[in-house]
Each structure stands twice: as structure tokens, then as C-alpha cells.
Amino acid sequence: MKRLVNLLALLVVTVFVSGALMAQTKLFEGTWKLNLAKSKYEGVQAPKSLTRTVTAEGGGLKYSFEGEAADGSKISYSFTSKLDGSDSAVSGVGTPGGADTVALERVSNHKMSGVLKQGRAKIGSVSTALGPDNKTVIVDTKARVDGKEVKTHQVYDKQ
């Protein structure tokens, strides 16, 4: 009987903790549009437009980006991350710095950090934070592209 009670207690705790973790990622879910007026770009031109869509997928988050680069070319890439710091393949065109892999990790309920890689070599880092009203997402990126440093401060508004 004691084993059954312990097993049930463990099951309840597991369900509660996994539910709490999924609720935390829900804050990042949705469609977010880049606010060019509030964003800053150093060492690289700002895109003409960019929309990011974040959905829950397999215990993690799927990110999809669609937009138009400064030169008029198409931006369309995506990846799915478990948010545990493991590498996730990026597919599509227009990725930041040409990254082909990203490794994201949840820092807190409202923050994530990550590493951008190209051919297994680290090319940059990214920090994502929800705004105080949960209606904006701020993404700060630092990378080395073609030998020069690139910094972006992107502000996205929830749609």
C-alpha cells in the first residue's frame, strides 16, 4: 500500500511539474511581428519585414520565420528546439549569420538563451526575453559574420 501511495505521489508531482513547464513555454507561443521602429541593427541591415510564429511541438517549441530581407530576398526558415541546450537543425533561407544549427535553453519563465552555429562552429549567441506585459519579445543577438561583428536588438509585438 505504501508503495502505491508513493507511486501516486510521484505521478502527481511529475504531472504538475511538466504542466508548469509547458505553461511557461506558452508565454512564448504565438505570432510575433518585428517592430522596426523599436529595433536596432549594427553591422547588418534591418529586414523590410519579419514575422516569427512559435508553436508547441513535442515538449519544445517550433519557431518559423517569414519575411523580406533588406535586399528584397525572401526570409523563410524554421527549427524545433527542446529548450534543453541541445543542437537543433535550422532549415530554410535567410537565417541569422547563415546559422545552420541553434541550441536554445530556458533560463527562467521569461528568458531563454542560445548559441548560433554554422558547420558546428559557434558564430553567435542569442538572448530572448518576454516584455513585462508578455505582449513583446526582445531578441538580442551577437554574431561574427564574414569576419565582422553583428549586433541586433529586435523587438517583436504579439499579434
Foldseek 3Di string as FASTA:
>chain_A
DVVVVVVVVVVVVVVVVLVVLVVLCVLVAAKWWWDVVPKDKDPADAAPTKIWGWDDDDCWIKIWMWGAGPVRDTDTKIWTANQCQDWIAIDDPDDVLQFGIKGKHAPDSFKIKIFTDDPNHTFWIKIWGQPPVSQKIWIWIWGQHPNDIMIMTIIIGGD
